[in-house]
Amino acid sequence: MEIKPGVLVRSKAGRDKGHVYAAIDLDEKHVYVADGAERPLRHMKKKNTKHLQPILKMRVDGTPDDTAIRNVIRKYEDACGRRSRL
């Protein structure tokens, strides 16, 4: 799966290793990610593409906001049996 806006990704490196984010925007080498809580849309994190693993395509109606992103990540983590940090 390709990393593009609207995809949930898991961090593979850094101090946030294992954290789930939503890919919001991208350029040649970097992806801007947010989780709606620790990293809201107004303070997106810039991550190197090679440090991210795509998980699944996010389904949000309309323009995503922090609440919608939090809910999608929480549903994913509940379905996987992972403990949510949000």
Protein backbone atom coordinates (compact mmCIF):
# COMPACT_ATOMS: atom_id res chain seq x y z
CA MET A 1 0.00 0.00 0.00
CA GLU A 2 1.19 3.47 -0.86
CA ILE A 3 1.35 6.28 1.69
CA LYS A 4 -0.92 9.12 0.63
CA PRO A 5 -3.32 11.49 2.41
CA GLY A 6 -6.11 9.59 4.13
CA VAL A 7 -4.07 6.52 5.11
CA LEU A 8 -3.42 5.40 8.68
CA VAL A 9 0.29 4.84 9.29
CA ARG A 10 2.38 3.41 12.13
CA SER A 11 5.68 4.96 13.08
CA LYS A 12 8.58 2.51 12.69
CA ALA A 13 11.32 4.74 14.15
CA GLY A 14 11.85 7.58 16.55
CA ARG A 15 10.61 8.18 20.06
CA ASP A 16 7.05 7.78 18.81
CA LYS A 17 7.74 4.24 17.51
CA GLY A 18 4.51 2.23 17.30
CA HIS A 19 2.25 5.28 17.40
CA VAL A 20 -0.63 5.38 14.89
CA TYR A 21 -1.17 8.55 12.87
CA ALA A 22 -3.26 9.69 9.92
CA ALA A 23 -1.29 10.89 6.89
CA ILE A 24 -2.51 14.40 6.09
CA ASP A 25 -0.11 15.77 3.48
CA LEU A 26 3.14 14.76 1.79
CA ASP A 27 6.04 16.09 -0.24
CA GLU A 28 8.97 14.29 -1.94
CA LYS A 29 10.59 12.76 1.19
CA HIS A 30 8.29 13.61 4.08
CA VAL A 31 4.78 12.90 5.28
CA TYR A 32 2.87 15.25 7.57
CA VAL A 33 0.94 13.23 10.13
CA ALA A 34 -1.54 13.98 12.91
CA ASP A 35 -3.39 11.93 15.51
CA GLY A 36 -5.92 14.54 16.64
CA ALA A 37 -4.75 14.49 20.28
CA GLU A 38 -1.02 14.77 20.95
CA ARG A 39 -0.49 15.93 17.34
CA PRO A 40 -3.54 17.94 16.18
CA LEU A 41 -3.87 19.21 12.63
CA ARG A 42 -2.47 22.62 13.53
CA HIS A 43 0.75 20.97 14.84
CA MET A 44 1.34 18.14 12.38
CA LYS A 45 4.50 16.08 12.69
CA LYS A 46 6.90 15.86 9.75
CA LYS A 47 8.10 12.26 9.36
CA ASN A 48 10.43 10.67 6.84
CA THR A 49 8.50 8.36 4.53
CA LYS A 50 10.84 5.43 5.19
CA HIS A 51 10.02 5.62 8.93
CA LEU A 52 6.31 4.98 8.37
CA GLN A 53 4.37 1.80 7.66
CA PRO A 54 0.96 2.17 5.96
CA ILE A 55 -1.83 0.34 7.78
CA LEU A 56 -5.19 1.01 6.12
CA LYS A 57 -7.16 3.64 4.27
CA MET A 58 -9.05 6.02 6.55
CA ARG A 59 -12.76 6.61 5.94
CA VAL A 60 -13.85 10.10 6.96
CA ASP A 61 -16.77 11.93 5.41
CA GLY A 62 -15.91 15.48 4.35
CA THR A 63 -12.84 17.35 5.55
CA PRO A 64 -11.13 15.51 8.43
CA ASP A 65 -10.84 17.33 11.73
CA ASP A 66 -9.10 16.35 14.98
CA THR A 67 -12.19 14.61 16.39
CA ALA A 68 -12.74 12.52 13.25
CA ILE A 69 -9.07 11.49 13.15
CA ARG A 70 -9.13 10.52 16.86
CA ASN A 71 -12.27 8.43 16.33
CA VAL A 72 -10.84 6.55 13.32
CA ILE A 73 -7.58 5.79 15.16
CA ARG A 74 -9.49 4.71 18.29
CA LYS A 75 -11.73 2.36 16.24
CA TYR A 76 -8.67 0.85 14.56
CA GLU A 77 -6.88 0.29 17.87
CA ASP A 78 -10.01 -1.18 19.49
CA ALA A 79 -10.46 -3.59 16.57
CA CYS A 80 -6.82 -4.69 16.85
CA GLY A 81 -6.96 -5.07 20.61
CA ARG A 82 -4.34 -2.36 21.13
CA ARG A 83 -4.61 0.06 23.99
CA SER A 84 -5.52 3.53 22.78
CA ARG A 85 -3.33 6.47 23.85
CA LEU A 86 -5.96 8.97 22.77
